[in-house]
Each structure stands twice: as C-alpha cells, then as structure tokens.
Amino acid sequence: MTMEIQILAPAVANRSRTMPLSWPAPSALVQLRPDRRKILKAPIRWLITKSPCPRSWSGAAATALSSNQLVASRVASSMVTRTAPQPPGGGDENLESGGQEGRTREMAVHMAKHKLMSDTVHLLLERGADPNASAVPFPALFFAVKSGDVDMTRQLLLRGADVRARLEASRGGLTALHIAVALPGEPSVTITELLLHSLAYPDARAVPDDSFLDRTMEEDWSRDEITDEQKMLLGGRTPLQIAASREDEHRRAHQIVRLLLEHKANPNLLCNGNNALTLAVQSGNDAAIDELLAHNANVNLALSHGVGSALCAASNIAYEDKRQLRGRLDLIDKLMDAGADILQPVAIGVKRQLGTAVDYGWQSYYLDKRVAFSPYHALNPVERQAFQDRNVVLKHLSNRLREKAVERERRRLEEEEADGVVSRGPSENFVYTGAGASMRARADSR
C-alpha cells in the first residue's frame, strides 16, 4: 500500500515536505499517514485485520524520532528540566549518554501512539460513528477536552458532539466547558473558544457542593437569612467562576473570562456566596477584575455565606498574600471608583449587627490573634510586616469611609437647600472627626 510520509522541517520554516514511499520506511521518517482514499474504499474485513499503522511502524517512527537532533533538542528543553536532581558525580553523564535518549524515545512513542489514536478516531467518525452514542464513563468529547487535544475536540464538534452534555450528579454534573476553562496551558483558551462557538451554555451550573466556601466564620454567618434575590442567584459552579478563581496562569484565565463574558455569561451568579468578581479578588487576578467591571459586574451585590461584598473580600486578610500592599490599596480604590458603596450595610460578628466594609476588615484583622494581640516586639519580622500592612489597609478604608460619609451628608444638605429647607445641623448619628471632633464631644453636645 502506498503511504504518505511527512518529514519535519525546522520550526522556522513552518511547513512540511511530503514524498510518496513504500514500506519499509527509511529511518528519517517521523510521521506516518496512510492514504485515506484507499482505506475508505477497502472492505471492512481488511480494516479489522490490517491496522492503518502497525505497532512495528510506530516503533520505527519512534526510533527515528529519538535520533532526530531537532526533536531531541526540543524534548530536552521541555522534559529534562523537569526531572529530579541527579546525585553529584554522574548525573550529567547519564543525561548526556542514555537518559536524554531514553526520554526522547519515550516522547517519540507517545507522539506516534497519539497520531495512531487520532487517525483511528477520525476514521471512525468518517465511517459514521456517533460521538454521543455512549456516556460511560464519559462522553467522547470529555476525553478530548480533558486531554487538551484541540484537533480531536474540533473533529468531534464538527461531527455533532453534544457540547451541553453533563456528567451524572455523582461526578459533579460538569459540562465540557467546566473542564476546558480549568485546563493548563494554551489549549484551555482554544478549546474554550471552540466550545463557545459551538453554542456551549456559558452559565451551566454544576451540582452544588462546598466549592469556594469559607468556613472561617461559619458559626457567625450560618445565622444569616438568605434573601429571595440571593436564592435566585445561588447554585453550583459556573465556568466563569472557575476561570475567575484560578490562581495559576492569570493571563490565560483572563482570556477565558473575556471569552465567557463576550458570550453573555452572567457575572453575578453566586456559588456559596461568591460571584466571579469576589473570586477574582481572592485569586489575585486583577486583569480579570477589570474585565468583569467592564462587563457590568455588580460591585454592590449583597453576598451570603459570610462574604459580605466585593469590598469585604478586598479587606479580608485571608487573601492578602495575593497582592503587595500597594496592590491591595489600588484594588480598594478601583472597586470604589467602579461604584462600590463602602457604606453598604454588612452583618458583622456573632450577633450579626450591621456594619460596613471597614467593620468587616477589623473583624478579619482580629481573627489572627497572634498579630492582633501580641506586643510588637514579640512578633517576628514577617509578622511585623503583616501588622504594618494590615494597619495601613484599615486606615485607608477608614479614610475612604469618612470621605463617602461627608460626601453623602453634603449631598443631603444640598438637596434640602434646593427644596427650601434649611438644616440646623447634620443628620442623626452623623459624626465627622476629620476636624478633630470626637464621639465624646458629639455626645456631650446633646
């Protein structure tokens, strides 16, 4: 049978040369592909008894690949650096002699097997195989997505694979889009885009579980009553929430967030009190925060399960390691510039008394009893730095709170003056301490 053989050209050329040869193949070949027209015309019995690419051929390709200098150097740069450190005196020799060649051959075998599997899937689809025929243990599309195989995912989608298929409840009720947005590397962005262009539902909800749940103050917030608005938004994880919560590869996570928002994903859906905005705050992905704010994420949405609001998440010490001090201050200003109300009521403490994001920040501050209550000289250098940074953040929050309170009071006075009402003083319980006044002086004046 006449076969078509491709020889890899240098990566700079970005193209391949083909030449028809007959088996046995020369040692220079690195990729084997049968003539599909002859295979499709062949009887089914021949397809069963004769593999399009026998094991010996893939072995020959692997051997050729392992001796190919271009492939060897490429594999060495990607695989050798991830191996465990070699003991002194002998590690480098093993690497130069047999170690690198063995790893290169292993990679070559993997590439040959992957090519064989891809050809088999393509042949089955051309023969009319239904990609939705079985969901045990997963639909075929899930395997392609989970492996990060862009070409196979594209083939299955072109043959009608169901992009809205779900896993059973015992497996989380996930869709292929849930898996795609969490993949590492560049395939995550490409596969997510393929699924969305194939009409995958961007707001698909997984089965509710404990994802994103903060149990630090569960004894306090478990007493809260969930409002009707929150009940409508609560549910399992969405692809957007998973992408926003990624703590790795922020650049690609931001690209995925943008793709989902461009396909009308709802940024205000909740999972255990968190929406995509608070998850981006917690993961430290500032680019995703900008994208969410640009797509009208609600910065004043009242959040359940002890989250409070987006400003509360920004003042929580549990996520202070995601940014430097300057970044934490800029995040607070960014949220407030986008319309976040620092005067918004938030339930605080065991008695669930109403406070603000500043009170929430102080409550979070006192959770670390070591830093909050120990003498400064008893703290180690890391704890001293944390103590200083937290106090700077709380002071910044207090200053912004004072500014907003004065601004609101001034606006009220202007509105009353426009209506012909002249007030003798500020509204009830308003105290401005910026000019040196104190709570005690305010109480004595009454």
Protein backbone atom coordinates (compact mmCIF):
# COMPACT_ATOMS: atom_id res chain seq x y z
CA MET A 1 0.00 0.00 0.00
CA THR A 2 1.34 3.40 -0.92
CA MET A 3 1.79 5.59 2.12
CA GLU A 4 2.42 9.29 2.54
CA ILE A 5 5.39 10.21 4.71
CA GLN A 6 5.97 13.62 6.30
CA ILE A 7 9.43 14.74 7.38
CA LEU A 8 9.51 17.52 9.94
CA ALA A 9 11.17 20.69 8.66
CA PRO A 10 12.75 23.24 11.02
CA ALA A 11 10.24 25.18 13.09
CA VAL A 12 11.27 28.44 11.40
CA ALA A 13 10.06 27.19 8.03
CA ASN A 14 6.66 26.27 9.49
CA ARG A 15 5.87 23.83 6.69
CA SER A 16 6.48 20.16 5.84
CA ARG A 17 7.71 18.24 2.81
CA THR A 18 5.91 15.13 1.62
CA MET A 19 7.10 12.31 -0.59
CA PRO A 20 5.41 9.03 -1.53
CA LEU A 21 7.34 5.93 -0.49
CA SER A 22 6.61 2.28 0.08
CA TRP A 23 7.26 0.35 3.26
CA PRO A 24 9.62 -0.33 4.90
CA ALA A 25 10.05 3.34 5.72
CA PRO A 26 13.51 4.97 5.89
CA SER A 27 14.98 5.87 9.26
CA ALA A 28 14.44 9.58 8.57
CA LEU A 29 10.64 9.38 8.77
CA VAL A 30 8.99 10.88 11.82
CA GLN A 31 5.29 10.74 10.97
CA LEU A 32 3.22 8.15 9.13
CA ARG A 33 -0.13 8.65 7.47
CA PRO A 34 -1.96 6.16 5.23
CA ASP A 35 -3.72 7.10 2.03
CA ARG A 36 -7.26 7.64 3.33
CA ARG A 37 -8.91 7.23 -0.07
CA LYS A 38 -7.69 3.64 -0.31
CA ILE A 39 -8.66 2.89 3.29
CA LEU A 40 -12.22 4.18 2.77
CA LYS A 41 -12.57 2.02 -0.36
CA ALA A 42 -11.21 -1.06 1.39
CA PRO A 43 -13.58 -3.73 2.75
CA ILE A 44 -14.39 -3.73 6.46
CA ARG A 45 -12.62 -7.12 6.91
CA TRP A 46 -9.36 -5.56 5.71
CA LEU A 47 -9.75 -2.70 8.19
CA ILE A 48 -10.16 -5.19 11.01
CA THR A 49 -7.25 -7.45 10.10
CA LYS A 50 -4.78 -4.79 8.95
CA SER A 51 -4.10 -1.78 11.13
CA PRO A 52 -3.53 1.53 9.26
CA CYS A 53 -0.32 1.93 11.25
CA PRO A 54 1.09 -1.32 12.71
CA ARG A 55 2.96 -1.34 16.01
CA SER A 56 6.25 -2.03 14.23
CA TRP A 57 5.78 1.08 12.11
CA SER A 58 5.13 3.28 15.15
CA GLY A 59 8.23 1.75 16.73
CA ALA A 60 10.26 2.63 13.64
CA ALA A 61 8.93 6.18 13.81
CA ALA A 62 9.83 6.36 17.48
CA THR A 63 13.35 5.16 16.79
CA ALA A 64 13.77 7.74 14.04
CA LEU A 65 12.40 10.48 16.25
CA SER A 66 14.73 9.62 19.11
CA SER A 67 17.74 10.11 16.84
CA ASN A 68 16.40 13.31 15.26
CA GLN A 69 18.50 16.20 16.60
CA LEU A 70 15.73 18.76 16.16
CA VAL A 71 13.28 16.70 18.19
CA ALA A 72 15.92 15.71 20.75
CA SER A 73 16.84 19.31 21.49
CA ARG A 74 13.18 20.30 21.74
CA VAL A 75 12.32 17.44 24.07
CA ALA A 76 15.42 18.04 26.17
CA SER A 77 14.40 21.63 26.84
CA SER A 78 10.86 20.66 27.89
CA MET A 79 11.40 17.38 29.73
CA VAL A 80 14.93 17.18 31.08
CA THR A 81 14.49 20.28 33.21
CA ARG A 82 11.54 18.66 35.00
CA THR A 83 13.40 15.56 36.11
CA ALA A 84 14.56 15.04 39.68
CA PRO A 85 18.03 16.35 40.57
CA GLN A 86 20.77 13.83 39.89
CA PRO A 87 23.25 12.92 42.64
CA PRO A 88 26.65 14.63 42.41
CA GLY A 89 29.21 12.97 40.17
CA GLY A 90 27.39 11.04 37.48
CA GLY A 91 24.13 12.85 36.83
CA ASP A 92 25.36 14.82 33.86
CA GLU A 93 26.96 11.75 32.29
CA ASN A 94 23.69 9.80 32.47
CA LEU A 95 21.87 12.73 30.95
CA GLU A 96 24.27 13.04 28.05
CA SER A 97 24.52 9.30 27.33
CA GLY A 98 21.36 7.30 27.86
CA GLY A 99 18.99 9.46 29.91
CA GLN A 100 18.15 12.03 27.28
CA GLU A 101 17.87 9.47 24.50
CA GLY A 102 15.53 7.35 26.62
CA ARG A 103 13.29 10.28 27.42
CA THR A 104 13.31 11.39 23.79
CA ARG A 105 12.33 7.89 22.67
CA GLU A 106 9.56 7.80 25.26
CA MET A 107 8.24 11.10 23.94
CA ALA A 108 8.51 9.81 20.38
CA VAL A 109 6.50 6.70 21.23
CA HIS A 110 3.87 8.90 22.84
CA MET A 111 3.67 11.08 19.72
CA ALA A 112 3.35 8.03 17.46
CA LYS A 113 0.61 6.50 19.63
CA HIS A 114 -1.24 9.80 19.73
CA LYS A 115 -1.10 10.04 15.93
CA LEU A 116 -2.40 6.50 15.62
CA MET A 117 -5.25 7.19 18.04
CA SER A 118 -6.15 10.44 16.27
CA ASP A 119 -6.26 8.66 12.90
CA THR A 120 -8.44 5.93 14.39
CA VAL A 121 -10.93 8.44 15.80
CA HIS A 122 -11.04 10.31 12.52
CA LEU A 123 -11.62 7.08 10.60
CA LEU A 124 -14.45 6.07 12.92
CA LEU A 125 -16.11 9.46 12.52
CA GLU A 126 -15.78 9.29 8.74
CA ARG A 127 -17.42 5.84 8.83
CA GLY A 128 -20.41 7.33 10.68
CA ALA A 129 -19.63 6.75 14.35
CA ASP A 130 -21.90 8.75 16.68
CA PRO A 131 -19.83 10.80 19.20
CA ASN A 132 -22.88 10.90 21.50
CA ALA A 133 -23.62 7.16 21.42
CA SER A 134 -22.20 6.44 24.87
CA ALA A 135 -21.64 8.37 28.08
CA VAL A 136 -19.91 5.60 30.06
CA PRO A 137 -17.74 6.58 31.78
CA PHE A 138 -17.77 9.95 29.97
CA PRO A 139 -18.96 11.23 26.60
CA ALA A 140 -16.23 11.15 23.97
CA LEU A 141 -16.00 14.95 23.95
CA PHE A 142 -14.98 14.96 27.62
CA PHE A 143 -11.94 12.77 26.93
CA ALA A 144 -10.75 15.05 24.14
CA VAL A 145 -11.27 18.20 26.23
CA LYS A 146 -9.67 16.78 29.36
CA SER A 147 -6.58 15.68 27.43
CA GLY A 148 -6.23 19.16 25.93
CA ASP A 149 -6.40 17.77 22.39
CA VAL A 150 -7.56 20.69 20.24
CA ASP A 151 -7.69 18.78 16.93
CA MET A 152 -9.70 15.89 18.31
CA THR A 153 -12.09 18.29 20.06
CA ARG A 154 -12.62 20.08 16.77
CA GLN A 155 -13.27 16.80 14.94
CA LEU A 156 -15.87 15.71 17.49
CA LEU A 157 -17.63 19.07 17.40
CA LEU A 158 -17.76 19.02 13.59
CA ARG A 159 -19.40 15.58 13.81
CA GLY A 160 -22.12 16.80 16.17
CA ALA A 161 -20.79 16.10 19.67
CA ASP A 162 -23.19 17.47 22.28
CA VAL A 163 -21.50 20.46 23.93
CA ARG A 164 -24.24 20.67 26.58
CA ALA A 165 -23.92 17.08 27.78
CA ARG A 166 -23.45 16.74 31.53
CA LEU A 167 -21.79 14.22 33.76
CA GLU A 168 -24.02 12.45 36.24
CA ALA A 169 -24.67 14.08 39.60
CA SER A 170 -22.27 11.74 41.41
CA ARG A 171 -19.47 13.13 39.19
CA GLY A 172 -20.38 16.76 39.82
CA GLY A 173 -22.77 17.43 36.94
CA LEU A 174 -19.98 19.14 34.99
CA THR A 175 -20.08 20.06 31.32
CA ALA A 176 -17.16 20.03 28.90
CA LEU A 177 -16.91 23.81 29.31
CA HIS A 178 -16.32 23.44 33.07
CA ILE A 179 -13.33 21.24 32.30
CA ALA A 180 -11.98 23.37 29.45
CA VAL A 181 -11.73 26.59 31.49
CA ALA A 182 -9.58 24.83 34.11
CA LEU A 183 -7.07 23.26 31.70
CA PRO A 184 -3.43 24.33 31.96
CA GLY A 185 -1.63 25.83 29.00
CA GLU A 186 -2.74 27.34 25.72
CA PRO A 187 -5.27 24.58 24.85
CA SER A 188 -7.56 25.91 27.57
CA VAL A 189 -8.21 29.13 25.66
CA THR A 190 -8.55 27.46 22.25
CA ILE A 191 -10.84 24.66 23.43
CA THR A 192 -13.00 27.10 25.41
CA GLU A 193 -13.42 29.21 22.28
CA LEU A 194 -14.31 26.13 20.21
CA LEU A 195 -16.98 25.07 22.72
CA LEU A 196 -18.48 28.55 22.96
CA HIS A 197 -18.63 28.88 19.17
CA SER A 198 -20.42 25.51 19.18
CA LEU A 199 -23.15 27.02 21.41
CA ALA A 200 -22.00 25.69 24.76
CA TYR A 201 -24.07 27.25 27.55
CA PRO A 202 -21.76 29.71 29.39
CA ASP A 203 -23.89 29.74 32.57
CA ALA A 204 -24.13 25.97 33.03
CA ARG A 205 -24.30 25.13 36.75
CA ALA A 206 -22.57 22.16 38.30
CA VAL A 207 -24.11 20.22 41.17
CA PRO A 208 -23.96 22.39 44.34
CA ASP A 209 -21.09 21.43 46.64
CA ASP A 210 -18.67 23.14 49.04
CA SER A 211 -16.67 24.91 46.34
CA PHE A 212 -15.40 28.40 47.30
CA LEU A 213 -16.92 28.04 50.79
CA ASP A 214 -15.07 29.86 53.58
CA ARG A 215 -15.75 28.14 56.89
CA THR A 216 -13.62 30.52 58.96
CA MET A 217 -16.63 32.35 60.43
CA GLU A 218 -19.28 29.74 59.65
CA GLU A 219 -20.63 29.85 63.20
CA ASP A 220 -21.45 33.53 62.65
CA TRP A 221 -22.79 33.67 59.11
CA SER A 222 -24.78 30.44 59.40
CA ARG A 223 -27.37 32.52 61.27
CA ASP A 224 -27.92 34.83 58.29
CA GLU A 225 -31.16 34.67 56.38
CA ILE A 226 -30.70 34.26 52.64
CA THR A 227 -32.80 36.76 50.71
CA ASP A 228 -35.02 35.88 47.75
CA GLU A 229 -32.62 37.67 45.39
CA GLN A 230 -29.71 35.59 46.66
CA LYS A 231 -31.72 32.37 46.35
CA MET A 232 -32.30 33.13 42.67
CA LEU A 233 -28.57 33.60 42.08
CA LEU A 234 -27.22 30.77 44.24
CA GLY A 235 -26.29 27.42 42.70
CA GLY A 236 -23.38 25.27 41.61
CA ARG A 237 -20.18 26.43 39.98
CA THR A 238 -20.25 28.12 36.59
CA PRO A 239 -17.39 28.12 34.06
CA LEU A 240 -16.90 31.84 34.66
CA GLN A 241 -16.49 31.31 38.40
CA ILE A 242 -13.97 28.52 37.84
CA ALA A 243 -11.94 30.68 35.45
CA ALA A 244 -12.02 33.70 37.80
CA SER A 245 -10.89 31.59 40.76
CA ARG A 246 -7.79 30.20 39.01
CA GLU A 247 -4.64 31.08 40.92
CA ASP A 248 -2.36 29.94 38.09
CA GLU A 249 -1.79 31.36 34.62
CA HIS A 250 -3.61 34.64 35.23
CA ARG A 251 -3.10 35.79 31.65
CA ARG A 252 -4.87 32.78 30.17
CA ALA A 253 -7.52 32.87 32.88
CA HIS A 254 -8.20 36.48 31.92
CA GLN A 255 -8.55 35.50 28.26
CA ILE A 256 -11.06 32.80 29.22
CA VAL A 257 -13.02 35.24 31.38
CA ARG A 258 -13.19 37.63 28.44
CA LEU A 259 -14.42 34.90 26.09
CA LEU A 260 -17.15 33.86 28.52
CA LEU A 261 -18.31 37.44 29.11
CA GLU A 262 -18.36 38.12 25.36
CA HIS A 263 -20.71 35.13 25.05
CA LYS A 264 -23.08 36.66 27.63
CA ALA A 265 -22.01 34.78 30.76
CA ASN A 266 -23.70 36.22 33.86
CA PRO A 267 -21.03 37.65 36.23
CA ASN A 268 -23.48 37.97 39.14
CA LEU A 269 -24.38 34.31 39.68
CA LEU A 270 -23.43 33.04 43.14
CA CYS A 271 -21.84 29.86 44.43
CA ASN A 272 -21.71 29.65 48.22
CA GLY A 273 -21.88 33.43 48.45
CA ASN A 274 -19.16 34.16 45.89
CA ASN A 275 -19.61 35.63 42.45
CA ALA A 276 -16.98 35.87 39.74
CA LEU A 277 -15.82 39.30 40.97
CA THR A 278 -15.07 38.20 44.54
CA LEU A 279 -13.36 35.05 43.24
CA ALA A 280 -11.11 37.18 41.03
CA VAL A 281 -10.36 39.36 44.07
CA GLN A 282 -9.47 36.28 46.11
CA SER A 283 -7.28 34.74 43.38
CA GLY A 284 -5.36 37.96 42.74
CA ASN A 285 -6.27 38.21 39.04
CA ASP A 286 -6.51 41.98 38.58
CA ALA A 287 -6.91 41.72 34.79
CA ALA A 288 -9.99 39.54 35.28
CA ILE A 289 -11.35 42.10 37.76
CA ASP A 290 -11.00 44.84 35.14
CA GLU A 291 -12.78 42.64 32.59
CA LEU A 292 -15.65 41.89 34.97
CA LEU A 293 -16.08 45.55 35.88
CA ALA A 294 -16.09 46.46 32.19
CA HIS A 295 -18.95 43.98 31.67
CA ASN A 296 -21.11 45.50 34.42
CA ALA A 297 -20.47 43.12 37.29
CA ASN A 298 -22.49 44.31 40.30
CA VAL A 299 -19.94 45.62 42.83
CA ASN A 300 -22.67 46.26 45.43
CA LEU A 301 -24.31 42.84 45.26
CA ALA A 302 -25.09 41.65 48.81
CA LEU A 303 -23.33 38.31 49.21
CA SER A 304 -24.30 35.47 51.53
CA HIS A 305 -22.22 32.85 53.38
CA GLY A 306 -20.16 35.49 55.16
CA VAL A 307 -18.61 37.01 52.03
CA GLY A 308 -20.36 40.37 52.54
CA SER A 309 -19.43 42.28 49.39
CA ALA A 310 -16.60 42.78 46.93
CA LEU A 311 -15.05 45.41 49.23
CA CYS A 312 -15.25 42.98 52.13
CA ALA A 313 -13.35 40.40 50.10
CA ALA A 314 -10.71 43.03 49.32
CA SER A 315 -10.26 43.78 53.04
CA ASN A 316 -10.13 40.13 54.14
CA ILE A 317 -6.68 39.17 55.46
CA ALA A 318 -7.18 35.62 54.16
CA TYR A 319 -6.28 36.85 50.65
CA GLU A 320 -3.59 39.43 51.49
CA ASP A 321 -0.85 37.18 50.11
CA LYS A 322 -2.21 37.56 46.57
CA ARG A 323 -1.00 41.17 46.27
CA GLN A 324 1.58 43.55 47.60
CA LEU A 325 0.43 46.38 49.87
CA ARG A 326 0.22 48.87 47.00
CA GLY A 327 -1.88 46.43 45.02
CA ARG A 328 -4.35 45.96 47.90
CA LEU A 329 -4.83 49.72 48.25
CA ASP A 330 -5.25 50.11 44.49
CA LEU A 331 -7.83 47.31 44.48
CA ILE A 332 -9.94 49.11 47.10
CA ASP A 333 -9.78 52.34 45.09
CA LYS A 334 -10.58 50.50 41.86
CA LEU A 335 -13.72 48.94 43.32
CA MET A 336 -14.89 52.24 44.80
CA ASP A 337 -14.24 54.06 41.53
CA ALA A 338 -16.43 51.42 39.86
CA GLY A 339 -19.28 52.31 42.24
CA ALA A 340 -18.72 50.09 45.27
CA ASP A 341 -20.51 51.60 48.30
CA ILE A 342 -18.32 51.44 51.39
CA LEU A 343 -21.36 52.49 53.46
CA GLN A 344 -23.34 49.43 52.38
CA PRO A 345 -24.64 47.55 55.47
CA VAL A 346 -22.87 44.26 56.22
CA ALA A 347 -23.71 41.78 59.00
CA ILE A 348 -20.81 41.59 61.46
CA GLY A 349 -19.95 39.38 64.43
CA VAL A 350 -21.78 36.72 66.39
CA LYS A 351 -24.80 38.97 66.97
CA ARG A 352 -24.85 39.87 63.25
CA GLN A 353 -25.01 43.59 63.89
CA LEU A 354 -24.95 45.84 60.85
CA GLY A 355 -21.64 47.47 59.99
CA THR A 356 -19.64 48.42 56.90
CA ALA A 357 -16.71 47.04 54.95
CA VAL A 358 -14.44 48.78 57.47
CA ASP A 359 -16.01 46.82 60.32
CA TYR A 360 -15.66 43.65 58.26
CA GLY A 361 -11.96 44.44 57.78
CA TRP A 362 -11.45 44.88 61.51
CA GLN A 363 -13.29 41.64 62.22
CA SER A 364 -10.99 39.85 59.79
CA TYR A 365 -7.98 41.57 61.37
CA TYR A 366 -8.79 40.22 64.84
CA LEU A 367 -9.08 36.65 63.58
CA ASP A 368 -5.27 36.49 63.58
CA LYS A 369 -4.88 36.72 67.34
CA ARG A 370 -1.11 36.32 67.21
CA VAL A 371 -0.57 39.50 65.18
CA ALA A 372 -3.53 41.43 66.56
CA PHE A 373 -2.91 40.96 70.29
CA SER A 374 0.79 40.21 70.74
CA PRO A 375 3.23 43.01 71.67
CA TYR A 376 5.03 44.34 68.63
CA HIS A 377 8.47 43.33 69.94
CA ALA A 378 7.25 39.73 70.33
CA LEU A 379 6.49 39.40 66.60
CA ASN A 380 8.96 38.01 64.11
CA PRO A 381 9.91 40.11 61.03
CA VAL A 382 7.23 38.56 58.81
CA GLU A 383 4.51 39.15 61.41
CA ARG A 384 5.67 42.72 61.95
CA GLN A 385 5.38 43.41 58.24
CA ALA A 386 1.89 41.87 58.21
CA PHE A 387 0.92 44.02 61.21
CA GLN A 388 2.09 47.20 59.49
CA ASP A 389 0.45 46.37 56.14
CA ARG A 390 -2.88 45.48 57.73
CA ASN A 391 -2.97 48.72 59.67
CA VAL A 392 -2.23 50.69 56.50
CA VAL A 393 -5.13 48.95 54.71
CA LEU A 394 -7.53 49.57 57.60
CA LYS A 395 -6.51 53.22 57.80
CA HIS A 396 -7.05 53.59 54.06
CA LEU A 397 -10.50 52.02 54.34
CA SER A 398 -11.38 54.35 57.22
CA ASN A 399 -10.31 57.41 55.24
CA ARG A 400 -12.39 56.35 52.25
CA LEU A 401 -15.35 55.72 54.55
CA ARG A 402 -15.03 59.21 56.01
CA GLU A 403 -14.86 60.75 52.55
CA LYS A 404 -18.01 58.96 51.42
CA ALA A 405 -19.89 59.81 54.62
CA VAL A 406 -19.08 63.51 54.28
CA GLU A 407 -19.95 63.41 50.58
CA ARG A 408 -23.34 61.86 51.29
CA GLU A 409 -24.07 64.38 54.07
CA ARG A 410 -23.12 67.28 51.83
CA ARG A 411 -25.36 65.96 49.09
CA ARG A 412 -28.27 65.68 51.56
CA LEU A 413 -27.81 69.29 52.68
CA GLU A 414 -27.72 70.50 49.08
CA GLU A 415 -30.94 68.63 48.29
CA GLU A 416 -32.68 70.11 51.33
CA GLU A 417 -31.48 73.58 50.42
CA ALA A 418 -32.83 73.14 46.91
CA ASP A 419 -36.22 72.24 48.43
CA GLY A 420 -36.19 75.35 50.63
CA VAL A 421 -35.33 73.51 53.85
CA VAL A 422 -32.52 74.91 55.98
CA SER A 423 -30.99 72.36 58.36
CA ARG A 424 -29.51 73.43 61.66
CA GLY A 425 -27.05 70.56 61.76
CA PRO A 426 -26.06 67.22 60.33
CA SER A 427 -28.34 64.22 60.16
CA GLU A 428 -28.88 61.90 63.12
CA ASN A 429 -25.83 59.90 64.24
CA PHE A 430 -23.53 61.66 61.76
CA VAL A 431 -20.09 62.34 63.24
CA TYR A 432 -17.25 63.95 61.31
CA THR A 433 -13.93 63.54 63.08
CA GLY A 434 -11.75 64.95 60.33
CA ALA A 435 -11.55 68.39 62.02
CA GLY A 436 -10.60 66.98 65.40
CA ALA A 437 -14.06 66.33 66.84
CA SER A 438 -14.64 63.18 68.84
CA MET A 439 -17.52 60.87 69.63
CA ARG A 440 -17.47 62.04 73.27
CA ALA A 441 -17.69 65.70 72.24
CA ARG A 442 -20.61 64.87 70.00
CA ALA A 443 -22.40 63.08 72.84
CA ASP A 444 -21.74 65.96 75.29
CA SER A 445 -23.25 68.48 72.86
CA ARG A 446 -26.52 66.65 73.10
